[in-house]
Amino acid sequence: MLKGQYHHIGASTHAEAVSLLQNLSTNTKRVPIGIYDDKTELFEWEPSRQQIYTTGTIEEQGKLADQIITIAQSLRRRDASWQPAGTFRRPSFFA
C-alpha cells in the first residue's frame, strides 16, 4: 500500500517476490501486504501479518481473508481495465 492505495509489483519467481517483499518492509512510505500467486490464487502474508493471521481467531482470520480477496479482486479489475497510452479512462481508486 502506498499513499492509501493498493498497488502490485510483478515478480517472475517466488524468490524474487520474497526479496521484493523484504525490501518493501524497510520502506517507511509503503505497507507491504504479501505475495499473491495469480496462477494458483494462493496468498502468502507478509511475515508480521502472517503471525497475526496464524494466532487469530477464526473470525479474525476470516476478516483478513476477506480483506485480501477484496484487494486482489480490485487490483485484477483495475489491471483488466488498463488501456495503452493515448486512451484515457477514469482511474479507479480503492483502499
PDB file of N, CA and C in Angstrom:
ATOM      1  N   MET A   1       0.854  -1.151   0.000  1.00  0.00           N
ATOM      2  CA  MET A   1       0.000   0.000   0.000  1.00  0.00           C
ATOM      3  C   MET A   1       0.909   1.226   0.000  1.00  0.00           C
ATOM      4  N   LEU A   2       0.557   2.210  -0.808  1.00  0.00           N
ATOM      5  CA  LEU A   2       1.303   3.458  -0.892  1.00  0.00           C
ATOM      6  C   LEU A   2       0.307   4.591  -0.995  1.00  0.00           C
ATOM      7  N   LYS A   3       0.407   5.532  -0.074  1.00  0.00           N
ATOM      8  CA  LYS A   3      -0.490   6.692  -0.049  1.00  0.00           C
ATOM      9  C   LYS A   3      -1.958   6.285  -0.046  1.00  0.00           C
ATOM     10  N   GLY A   4      -2.276   5.256   0.717  1.00  0.00           N
ATOM     11  CA  GLY A   4      -3.659   4.843   0.878  1.00  0.00           C
ATOM     12  C   GLY A   4      -4.226   4.035  -0.265  1.00  0.00           C
ATOM     13  N   GLN A   5      -3.400   3.680  -1.252  1.00  0.00           N
ATOM     14  CA  GLN A   5      -3.868   2.885  -2.378  1.00  0.00           C
ATOM     15  C   GLN A   5      -3.046   1.611  -2.486  1.00  0.00           C
ATOM     16  N   TYR A   6      -3.708   0.550  -2.888  1.00  0.00           N
ATOM     17  CA  TYR A   6      -3.014  -0.709  -3.087  1.00  0.00           C
ATOM     18  C   TYR A   6      -2.399  -0.731  -4.472  1.00  0.00           C
ATOM     19  N   HIS A   7      -1.222  -1.292  -4.560  1.00  0.00           N
ATOM     20  CA  HIS A   7      -0.503  -1.437  -5.814  1.00  0.00           C
ATOM     21  C   HIS A   7       0.092  -2.836  -5.845  1.00  0.00           C
ATOM     22  N   HIS A   8       0.394  -3.289  -7.021  1.00  0.00           N
ATOM     23  CA  HIS A   8       1.102  -4.565  -7.086  1.00  0.00           C
ATOM     24  C   HIS A   8       2.401  -4.357  -7.845  1.00  0.00           C
ATOM     25  N   ILE A   9       3.360  -5.193  -7.504  1.00  0.00           N
ATOM     26  CA  ILE A   9       4.653  -5.189  -8.179  1.00  0.00           C
ATOM     27  C   ILE A   9       4.840  -6.606  -8.695  1.00  0.00           C
ATOM     28  N   GLY A  10       4.999  -6.745  -9.982  1.00  0.00           N
ATOM     29  CA  GLY A  10       5.143  -8.068 -10.580  1.00  0.00           C
ATOM     30  C   GLY A  10       6.510  -8.676 -10.304  1.00  0.00           C
ATOM     31  N   ALA A  11       6.542  -9.987 -10.175  1.00  0.00           N
ATOM     32  CA  ALA A  11       7.779 -10.732  -9.995  1.00  0.00           C
ATOM     33  C   ALA A  11       7.684 -12.017 -10.809  1.00  0.00           C
ATOM     34  N   SER A  12       8.801 -12.439 -11.362  1.00  0.00           N
ATOM     35  CA  SER A  12       8.808 -13.642 -12.199  1.00  0.00           C
ATOM     36  C   SER A  12       8.866 -14.929 -11.401  1.00  0.00           C
ATOM     37  N   THR A  13       9.494 -14.857 -10.228  1.00  0.00           N
ATOM     38  CA  THR A  13       9.647 -16.060  -9.408  1.00  0.00           C
ATOM     39  C   THR A  13       9.238 -15.770  -7.968  1.00  0.00           C
ATOM     40  N   HIS A  14       9.012 -16.831  -7.217  1.00  0.00           N
ATOM     41  CA  HIS A  14       8.672 -16.681  -5.803  1.00  0.00           C
ATOM     42  C   HIS A  14       9.848 -16.057  -5.048  1.00  0.00           C
ATOM     43  N   ALA A  15      11.064 -16.481  -5.375  1.00  0.00           N
ATOM     44  CA  ALA A  15      12.250 -15.930  -4.704  1.00  0.00           C
ATOM     45  C   ALA A  15      12.356 -14.425  -4.940  1.00  0.00           C
ATOM     46  N   GLU A  16      12.075 -13.997  -6.164  1.00  0.00           N
ATOM     47  CA  GLU A  16      12.096 -12.567  -6.475  1.00  0.00           C
ATOM     48  C   GLU A  16      11.008 -11.835  -5.687  1.00  0.00           C
ATOM     49  N   ALA A  17       9.843 -12.431  -5.572  1.00  0.00           N
ATOM     50  CA  ALA A  17       8.748 -11.818  -4.818  1.00  0.00           C
ATOM     51  C   ALA A  17       9.102 -11.699  -3.339  1.00  0.00           C
ATOM     52  N   VAL A  18       9.726 -12.721  -2.781  1.00  0.00           N
ATOM     53  CA  VAL A  18      10.135 -12.675  -1.368  1.00  0.00           C
ATOM     54  C   VAL A  18      11.157 -11.566  -1.163  1.00  0.00           C
ATOM     55  N   SER A  19      12.101 -11.446  -2.077  1.00  0.00           N
ATOM     56  CA  SER A  19      13.114 -10.395  -1.983  1.00  0.00           C
ATOM     57  C   SER A  19      12.468  -9.006  -2.050  1.00  0.00           C
ATOM     58  N   LEU A  20      11.531  -8.825  -2.974  1.00  0.00           N
ATOM     59  CA  LEU A  20      10.814  -7.549  -3.082  1.00  0.00           C
ATOM     60  C   LEU A  20      10.043  -7.243  -1.802  1.00  0.00           C
ATOM     61  N   LEU A  21       9.395  -8.247  -1.247  1.00  0.00           N
ATOM     62  CA  LEU A  21       8.635  -8.068  -0.013  1.00  0.00           C
ATOM     63  C   LEU A  21       9.547  -7.638   1.131  1.00  0.00           C
ATOM     64  N   GLN A  22      10.718  -8.250   1.219  1.00  0.00           N
ATOM     65  CA  GLN A  22      11.681  -7.883   2.258  1.00  0.00           C
ATOM     66  C   GLN A  22      12.159  -6.443   2.077  1.00  0.00           C
ATOM     67  N   ASN A  23      12.428  -6.048   0.845  1.00  0.00           N
ATOM     68  CA  ASN A  23      12.869  -4.676   0.574  1.00  0.00           C
ATOM     69  C   ASN A  23      11.767  -3.670   0.890  1.00  0.00           C
ATOM     70  N   LEU A  24      10.533  -4.003   0.550  1.00  0.00           N
ATOM     71  CA  LEU A  24       9.418  -3.094   0.827  1.00  0.00           C
ATOM     72  C   LEU A  24       9.169  -2.949   2.321  1.00  0.00           C
ATOM     73  N   SER A  25       9.509  -3.973   3.080  1.00  0.00           N
ATOM     74  CA  SER A  25       9.306  -3.924   4.528  1.00  0.00           C
ATOM     75  C   SER A  25      10.157  -2.847   5.185  1.00  0.00           C
ATOM     76  N   THR A  26      11.242  -2.460   4.536  1.00  0.00           N
ATOM     77  CA  THR A  26      12.118  -1.430   5.097  1.00  0.00           C
ATOM     78  C   THR A  26      11.760  -0.028   4.597  1.00  0.00           C
ATOM     79  N   ASN A  27      10.827   0.074   3.666  1.00  0.00           N
ATOM     80  CA  ASN A  27      10.419   1.359   3.106  1.00  0.00           C
ATOM     81  C   ASN A  27       9.289   1.938   3.954  1.00  0.00           C
ATOM     82  N   THR A  28       9.542   3.057   4.610  1.00  0.00           N
ATOM     83  CA  THR A  28       8.552   3.642   5.517  1.00  0.00           C
ATOM     84  C   THR A  28       7.356   4.248   4.789  1.00  0.00           C
ATOM     85  N   LYS A  29       7.445   4.442   3.481  1.00  0.00           N
ATOM     86  CA  LYS A  29       6.335   5.024   2.726  1.00  0.00           C
ATOM     87  C   LYS A  29       5.360   3.966   2.220  1.00  0.00           C
ATOM     88  N   ARG A  30       5.734   2.716   2.335  1.00  0.00           N
ATOM     89  CA  ARG A  30       4.898   1.614   1.839  1.00  0.00           C
ATOM     90  C   ARG A  30       4.544   0.661   2.966  1.00  0.00           C
ATOM     91  N   VAL A  31       3.413  -0.006   2.816  1.00  0.00           N
ATOM     92  CA  VAL A  31       2.990  -1.026   3.770  1.00  0.00           C
ATOM     93  C   VAL A  31       2.808  -2.318   2.973  1.00  0.00           C
ATOM     94  N   PRO A  32       3.756  -3.253   3.094  1.00  0.00           N
ATOM     95  CA  PRO A  32       3.627  -4.499   2.330  1.00  0.00           C
ATOM     96  C   PRO A  32       2.515  -5.377   2.899  1.00  0.00           C
ATOM     97  N   ILE A  33       1.812  -6.058   2.010  1.00  0.00           N
ATOM     98  CA  ILE A  33       0.696  -6.910   2.406  1.00  0.00           C
ATOM     99  C   ILE A  33       1.080  -8.385   2.286  1.00  0.00           C
ATOM    100  N   GLY A  34       1.668  -8.767   1.166  1.00  0.00           N
ATOM    101  CA  GLY A  34       2.053 -10.155   0.988  1.00  0.00           C
ATOM    102  C   GLY A  34       2.285 -10.491  -0.467  1.00  0.00           C
ATOM    103  N   ILE A  35       2.332 -11.779  -0.749  1.00  0.00           N
ATOM    104  CA  ILE A  35       2.598 -12.282  -2.093  1.00  0.00           C
ATOM    105  C   ILE A  35       1.374 -13.052  -2.578  1.00  0.00           C
ATOM    106  N   TYR A  36       0.880 -12.671  -3.736  1.00  0.00           N
ATOM    107  CA  TYR A  36      -0.272 -13.340  -4.348  1.00  0.00           C
ATOM    108  C   TYR A  36       0.187 -14.028  -5.622  1.00  0.00           C
ATOM    109  N   ASP A  37      -0.070 -15.316  -5.746  1.00  0.00           N
ATOM    110  CA  ASP A  37       0.255 -16.081  -6.945  1.00  0.00           C
ATOM    111  C   ASP A  37      -1.004 -16.179  -7.787  1.00  0.00           C
ATOM    112  N   ASP A  38      -1.024 -15.465  -8.904  1.00  0.00           N
ATOM    113  CA  ASP A  38      -2.249 -15.432  -9.715  1.00  0.00           C
ATOM    114  C   ASP A  38      -2.513 -16.747 -10.448  1.00  0.00           C
ATOM    115  N   LYS A  39      -1.528 -17.596 -10.567  1.00  0.00           N
ATOM    116  CA  LYS A  39      -1.750 -18.889 -11.218  1.00  0.00           C
ATOM    117  C   LYS A  39      -2.453 -19.867 -10.282  1.00  0.00           C
ATOM    118  N   THR A  40      -2.039 -19.894  -9.029  1.00  0.00           N
ATOM    119  CA  THR A  40      -2.634 -20.821  -8.065  1.00  0.00           C
ATOM    120  C   THR A  40      -3.684 -20.145  -7.199  1.00  0.00           C
ATOM    121  N   GLU A  41      -3.721 -18.817  -7.257  1.00  0.00           N
ATOM    122  CA  GLU A  41      -4.599 -17.985  -6.433  1.00  0.00           C
ATOM    123  C   GLU A  41      -4.348 -18.191  -4.941  1.00  0.00           C
ATOM    124  N   LEU A  42      -3.107 -18.509  -4.602  1.00  0.00           N
ATOM    125  CA  LEU A  42      -2.713 -18.630  -3.204  1.00  0.00           C
ATOM    126  C   LEU A  42      -2.096 -17.319  -2.743  1.00  0.00           C
ATOM    127  N   PHE A  43      -2.235 -17.031  -1.458  1.00  0.00           N
ATOM    128  CA  PHE A  43      -1.711 -15.796  -0.906  1.00  0.00           C
ATOM    129  C   PHE A  43      -0.830 -16.103   0.285  1.00  0.00           C
ATOM    130  N   GLU A  44       0.293 -15.429   0.343  1.00  0.00           N
ATOM    131  CA  GLU A  44       1.239 -15.576   1.443  1.00  0.00           C
ATOM    132  C   GLU A  44       1.372 -14.212   2.108  1.00  0.00           C
ATOM    133  N   TRP A  45       0.966 -14.118   3.369  1.00  0.00           N
ATOM    134  CA  TRP A  45       1.004 -12.852   4.085  1.00  0.00           C
ATOM    135  C   TRP A  45       2.436 -12.401   4.332  1.00  0.00           C
ATOM    136  N   GLU A  46       2.611 -11.113   4.427  1.00  0.00           N
ATOM    137  CA  GLU A  46       3.868 -10.514   4.890  1.00  0.00           C
ATOM    138  C   GLU A  46       4.073 -11.059   6.310  1.00  0.00           C
ATOM    139  N   PRO A  47       5.340 -11.336   6.744  1.00  0.00           N
ATOM    140  CA  PRO A  47       5.586 -12.062   7.998  1.00  0.00           C
ATOM    141  C   PRO A  47       4.838 -11.560   9.238  1.00  0.00           C
ATOM    142  N   SER A  48       4.773 -10.260   9.487  1.00  0.00           N
ATOM    143  CA  SER A  48       4.075  -9.804  10.697  1.00  0.00           C
ATOM    144  C   SER A  48       2.572 -10.037  10.587  1.00  0.00           C
ATOM    145  N   ARG A  49       2.013  -9.891   9.394  1.00  0.00           N
ATOM    146  CA  ARG A  49       0.591 -10.172   9.190  1.00  0.00           C
ATOM    147  C   ARG A  49       0.324 -11.678   9.273  1.00  0.00           C
ATOM    148  N   GLN A  50       1.295 -12.494   8.847  1.00  0.00           N
ATOM    149  CA  GLN A  50       1.143 -13.941   8.941  1.00  0.00           C
ATOM    150  C   GLN A  50       1.026 -14.356  10.403  1.00  0.00           C
ATOM    151  N   GLN A  51       1.823 -13.732  11.268  1.00  0.00           N
ATOM    152  CA  GLN A  51       1.775 -14.033  12.697  1.00  0.00           C
ATOM    153  C   GLN A  51       0.399 -13.688  13.258  1.00  0.00           C
ATOM    154  N   ILE A  52      -0.126 -12.530  12.871  1.00  0.00           N
ATOM    155  CA  ILE A  52      -1.461 -12.115  13.324  1.00  0.00           C
ATOM    156  C   ILE A  52      -2.510 -13.107  12.818  1.00  0.00           C
ATOM    157  N   TYR A  53      -2.382 -13.506  11.548  1.00  0.00           N
ATOM    158  CA  TYR A  53      -3.331 -14.440  10.950  1.00  0.00           C
ATOM    159  C   TYR A  53      -3.276 -15.800  11.651  1.00  0.00           C
ATOM    160  N   THR A  54      -2.071 -16.302  11.865  1.00  0.00           N
ATOM    161  CA  THR A  54      -1.884 -17.623  12.460  1.00  0.00           C
ATOM    162  C   THR A  54      -2.429 -17.703  13.879  1.00  0.00           C
ATOM    163  N   THR A  55      -2.236 -16.660  14.651  1.00  0.00           N
ATOM    164  CA  THR A  55      -2.668 -16.681  16.052  1.00  0.00           C
ATOM    165  C   THR A  55      -4.075 -16.130  16.255  1.00  0.00           C
ATOM    166  N   GLY A  56      -4.693 -15.656  15.193  1.00  0.00           N
ATOM    167  CA  GLY A  56      -6.022 -15.063  15.311  1.00  0.00           C
ATOM    168  C   GLY A  56      -7.127 -16.092  15.446  1.00  0.00           C
ATOM    169  N   THR A  57      -8.273 -15.611  15.867  1.00  0.00           N
ATOM    170  CA  THR A  57      -9.458 -16.462  15.947  1.00  0.00           C
ATOM    171  C   THR A  57      -9.965 -16.738  14.530  1.00  0.00           C
ATOM    172  N   ILE A  58     -10.893 -17.651  14.428  1.00  0.00           N
ATOM    173  CA  ILE A  58     -11.494 -17.963  13.135  1.00  0.00           C
ATOM    174  C   ILE A  58     -12.106 -16.698  12.530  1.00  0.00           C
ATOM    175  N   GLU A  59     -12.752 -15.888  13.355  1.00  0.00           N
ATOM    176  CA  GLU A  59     -13.380 -14.651  12.875  1.00  0.00           C
ATOM    177  C   GLU A  59     -12.325 -13.671  12.356  1.00  0.00           C
ATOM    178  N   GLU A  60     -11.210 -13.541  13.097  1.00  0.00           N
ATOM    179  CA  GLU A  60     -10.137 -12.638  12.666  1.00  0.00           C
ATOM    180  C   GLU A  60      -9.497 -13.129  11.369  1.00  0.00           C
ATOM    181  N   GLN A  61      -9.303 -14.431  11.265  1.00  0.00           N
ATOM    182  CA  GLN A  61      -8.741 -14.993  10.041  1.00  0.00           C
ATOM    183  C   GLN A  61      -9.682 -14.759   8.863  1.00  0.00           C
ATOM    184  N   GLY A  62     -10.972 -14.930   9.099  1.00  0.00           N
ATOM    185  CA  GLY A  62     -11.960 -14.692   8.045  1.00  0.00           C
ATOM    186  C   GLY A  62     -11.962 -13.248   7.594  1.00  0.00           C
ATOM    187  N   LYS A  63     -11.842 -12.323   8.548  1.00  0.00           N
ATOM    188  CA  LYS A  63     -11.814 -10.890   8.217  1.00  0.00           C
ATOM    189  C   LYS A  63     -10.589 -10.558   7.364  1.00  0.00           C
ATOM    190  N   LEU A  64      -9.413 -11.075   7.745  1.00  0.00           N
ATOM    191  CA  LEU A  64      -8.202 -10.834   6.972  1.00  0.00           C
ATOM    192  C   LEU A  64      -8.309 -11.462   5.583  1.00  0.00           C
ATOM    193  N   ALA A  65      -8.872 -12.661   5.505  1.00  0.00           N
ATOM    194  CA  ALA A  65      -9.041 -13.325   4.211  1.00  0.00           C
ATOM    195  C   ALA A  65      -9.973 -12.512   3.318  1.00  0.00           C
ATOM    196  N   ASP A  66     -11.064 -12.011   3.876  1.00  0.00           N
ATOM    197  CA  ASP A  66     -11.980 -11.171   3.096  1.00  0.00           C
ATOM    198  C   ASP A  66     -11.282  -9.918   2.589  1.00  0.00           C
ATOM    199  N   GLN A  67     -10.421  -9.322   3.430  1.00  0.00           N
ATOM    200  CA  GLN A  67      -9.704  -8.121   3.029  1.00  0.00           C
ATOM    201  C   GLN A  67      -8.788  -8.393   1.842  1.00  0.00           C
ATOM    202  N   ILE A  68      -8.034  -9.493   1.893  1.00  0.00           N
ATOM    203  CA  ILE A  68      -7.096  -9.759   0.805  1.00  0.00           C
ATOM    204  C   ILE A  68      -7.829 -10.158  -0.467  1.00  0.00           C
ATOM    205  N   ILE A  69      -8.954 -10.830  -0.344  1.00  0.00           N
ATOM    206  CA  ILE A  69      -9.750 -11.164  -1.528  1.00  0.00           C
ATOM    207  C   ILE A  69     -10.239  -9.882  -2.188  1.00  0.00           C
ATOM    208  N   THR A  70     -10.706  -8.932  -1.408  1.00  0.00           N
ATOM    209  CA  THR A  70     -11.174  -7.652  -1.937  1.00  0.00           C
ATOM    210  C   THR A  70     -10.039  -6.912  -2.632  1.00  0.00           C
ATOM    211  N   ILE A  71      -8.864  -6.900  -2.022  1.00  0.00           N
ATOM    212  CA  ILE A  71      -7.707  -6.231  -2.618  1.00  0.00           C
ATOM    213  C   ILE A  71      -7.342  -6.891  -3.945  1.00  0.00           C
ATOM    214  N   ALA A  72      -7.230  -8.214  -3.956  1.00  0.00           N
ATOM    215  CA  ALA A  72      -6.854  -8.930  -5.175  1.00  0.00           C
ATOM    216  C   ALA A  72      -7.873  -8.713  -6.288  1.00  0.00           C
ATOM    217  N   GLN A  73      -9.147  -8.760  -5.956  1.00  0.00           N
ATOM    218  CA  GLN A  73     -10.186  -8.547  -6.967  1.00  0.00           C
ATOM    219  C   GLN A  73     -10.120  -7.119  -7.512  1.00  0.00           C
ATOM    220  N   SER A  74      -9.897  -6.154  -6.643  1.00  0.00           N
ATOM    221  CA  SER A  74      -9.823  -4.759  -7.081  1.00  0.00           C
ATOM    222  C   SER A  74      -8.627  -4.534  -7.989  1.00  0.00           C
ATOM    223  N   LEU A  75      -7.474  -5.090  -7.621  1.00  0.00           N
ATOM    224  CA  LEU A  75      -6.290  -4.960  -8.470  1.00  0.00           C
ATOM    225  C   LEU A  75      -6.513  -5.645  -9.813  1.00  0.00           C
ATOM    226  N   ARG A  76      -7.142  -6.804  -9.784  1.00  0.00           N
ATOM    227  CA  ARG A  76      -7.405  -7.535 -11.028  1.00  0.00           C
ATOM    228  C   ARG A  76      -8.338  -6.733 -11.942  1.00  0.00           C
ATOM    229  N   ARG A  77      -9.406  -6.152 -11.364  1.00  0.00           N
ATOM    230  CA  ARG A  77     -10.327  -5.326 -12.155  1.00  0.00           C
ATOM    231  C   ARG A  77      -9.601  -4.126 -12.740  1.00  0.00           C
ATOM    232  N   ARG A  78      -8.798  -3.461 -11.911  1.00  0.00           N
ATOM    233  CA  ARG A  78      -8.080  -2.279 -12.379  1.00  0.00           C
ATOM    234  C   ARG A  78      -7.123  -2.651 -13.498  1.00  0.00           C
ATOM    235  N   ASP A  79      -6.376  -3.741 -13.338  1.00  0.00           N
ATOM    236  CA  ASP A  79      -5.423  -4.154 -14.362  1.00  0.00           C
ATOM    237  C   ASP A  79      -6.123  -4.579 -15.644  1.00  0.00           C
ATOM    238  N   ALA A  80      -7.273  -5.206 -15.521  1.00  0.00           N
ATOM    239  CA  ALA A  80      -8.023  -5.653 -16.701  1.00  0.00           C
ATOM    240  C   ALA A  80      -8.566  -4.460 -17.488  1.00  0.00           C
ATOM    241  N   SER A  81      -8.813  -3.349 -16.808  1.00  0.00           N
ATOM    242  CA  SER A  81      -9.365  -2.183 -17.496  1.00  0.00           C
ATOM    243  C   SER A  81      -8.282  -1.228 -17.980  1.00  0.00           C
ATOM    244  N   TRP A  82      -7.010  -1.562 -17.751  1.00  0.00           N
ATOM    245  CA  TRP A  82      -5.920  -0.696 -18.171  1.00  0.00           C
ATOM    246  C   TRP A  82      -5.904  -0.601 -19.695  1.00  0.00           C
ATOM    247  N   GLN A  83      -5.668   0.593 -20.179  1.00  0.00           N
ATOM    248  CA  GLN A  83      -5.621   0.830 -21.615  1.00  0.00           C
ATOM    249  C   GLN A  83      -4.263   1.406 -21.989  1.00  0.00           C
ATOM    250  N   PRO A  84      -3.770   1.130 -23.201  1.00  0.00           N
ATOM    251  CA  PRO A  84      -2.480   1.668 -23.633  1.00  0.00           C
ATOM    252  C   PRO A  84      -2.494   3.193 -23.658  1.00  0.00           C
ATOM    253  N   ALA A  85      -1.284   3.777 -23.724  1.00  0.00           N
ATOM    254  CA  ALA A  85      -1.142   5.233 -23.778  1.00  0.00           C
ATOM    255  C   ALA A  85      -1.975   5.798 -24.918  1.00  0.00           C
ATOM    256  N   GLY A  86      -2.543   6.953 -24.676  1.00  0.00           N
ATOM    257  CA  GLY A  86      -3.373   7.591 -25.683  1.00  0.00           C
ATOM    258  C   GLY A  86      -4.852   7.340 -25.463  1.00  0.00           C
ATOM    259  N   THR A  87      -5.181   6.367 -24.651  1.00  0.00           N
ATOM    260  CA  THR A  87      -6.571   6.063 -24.332  1.00  0.00           C
ATOM    261  C   THR A  87      -6.807   6.455 -22.890  1.00  0.00           C
ATOM    262  N   PHE A  88      -7.636   7.458 -22.673  1.00  0.00           N
ATOM    263  CA  PHE A  88      -7.879   7.912 -21.310  1.00  0.00           C
ATOM    264  C   PHE A  88      -9.101   7.241 -20.734  1.00  0.00           C
ATOM    265  N   ARG A  89      -8.950   6.739 -19.541  1.00  0.00           N
ATOM    266  CA  ARG A  89     -10.067   6.189 -18.784  1.00  0.00           C
ATOM    267  C   ARG A  89      -9.965   6.743 -17.386  1.00  0.00           C
ATOM    268  N   ARG A  90     -11.094   6.965 -16.782  1.00  0.00           N
ATOM    269  CA  ARG A  90     -11.120   7.444 -15.409  1.00  0.00           C
ATOM    270  C   ARG A  90     -10.467   6.388 -14.513  1.00  0.00           C
ATOM    271  N   PRO A  91      -9.477   6.785 -13.687  1.00  0.00           N
ATOM    272  CA  PRO A  91      -8.808   5.807 -12.819  1.00  0.00           C
ATOM    273  C   PRO A  91      -9.736   5.310 -11.713  1.00  0.00           C
ATOM    274  N   SER A  92      -9.473   4.100 -11.274  1.00  0.00           N
ATOM    275  CA  SER A  92     -10.255   3.559 -10.156  1.00  0.00           C
ATOM    276  C   SER A  92      -9.420   3.653  -8.893  1.00  0.00           C
ATOM    277  N   PHE A  93     -10.063   4.007  -7.803  1.00  0.00           N
ATOM    278  CA  PHE A  93      -9.380   4.128  -6.529  1.00  0.00           C
ATOM    279  C   PHE A  93     -10.065   3.225  -5.521  1.00  0.00           C
ATOM    280  N   PHE A  94      -9.278   2.592  -4.702  1.00  0.00           N
ATOM    281  CA  PHE A  94      -9.825   1.752  -3.657  1.00  0.00           C
ATOM    282  C   PHE A  94      -8.787   1.640  -2.564  1.00  0.00           C
ATOM    283  N   ALA A  95      -9.242   1.342  -1.387  1.00  0.00           N
ATOM    284  CA  ALA A  95      -8.329   1.154  -0.268  1.00  0.00           C
ATOM    285  C   ALA A  95      -8.993   0.283   0.770  1.00  0.00           C
TER     286      ALA A  95
END
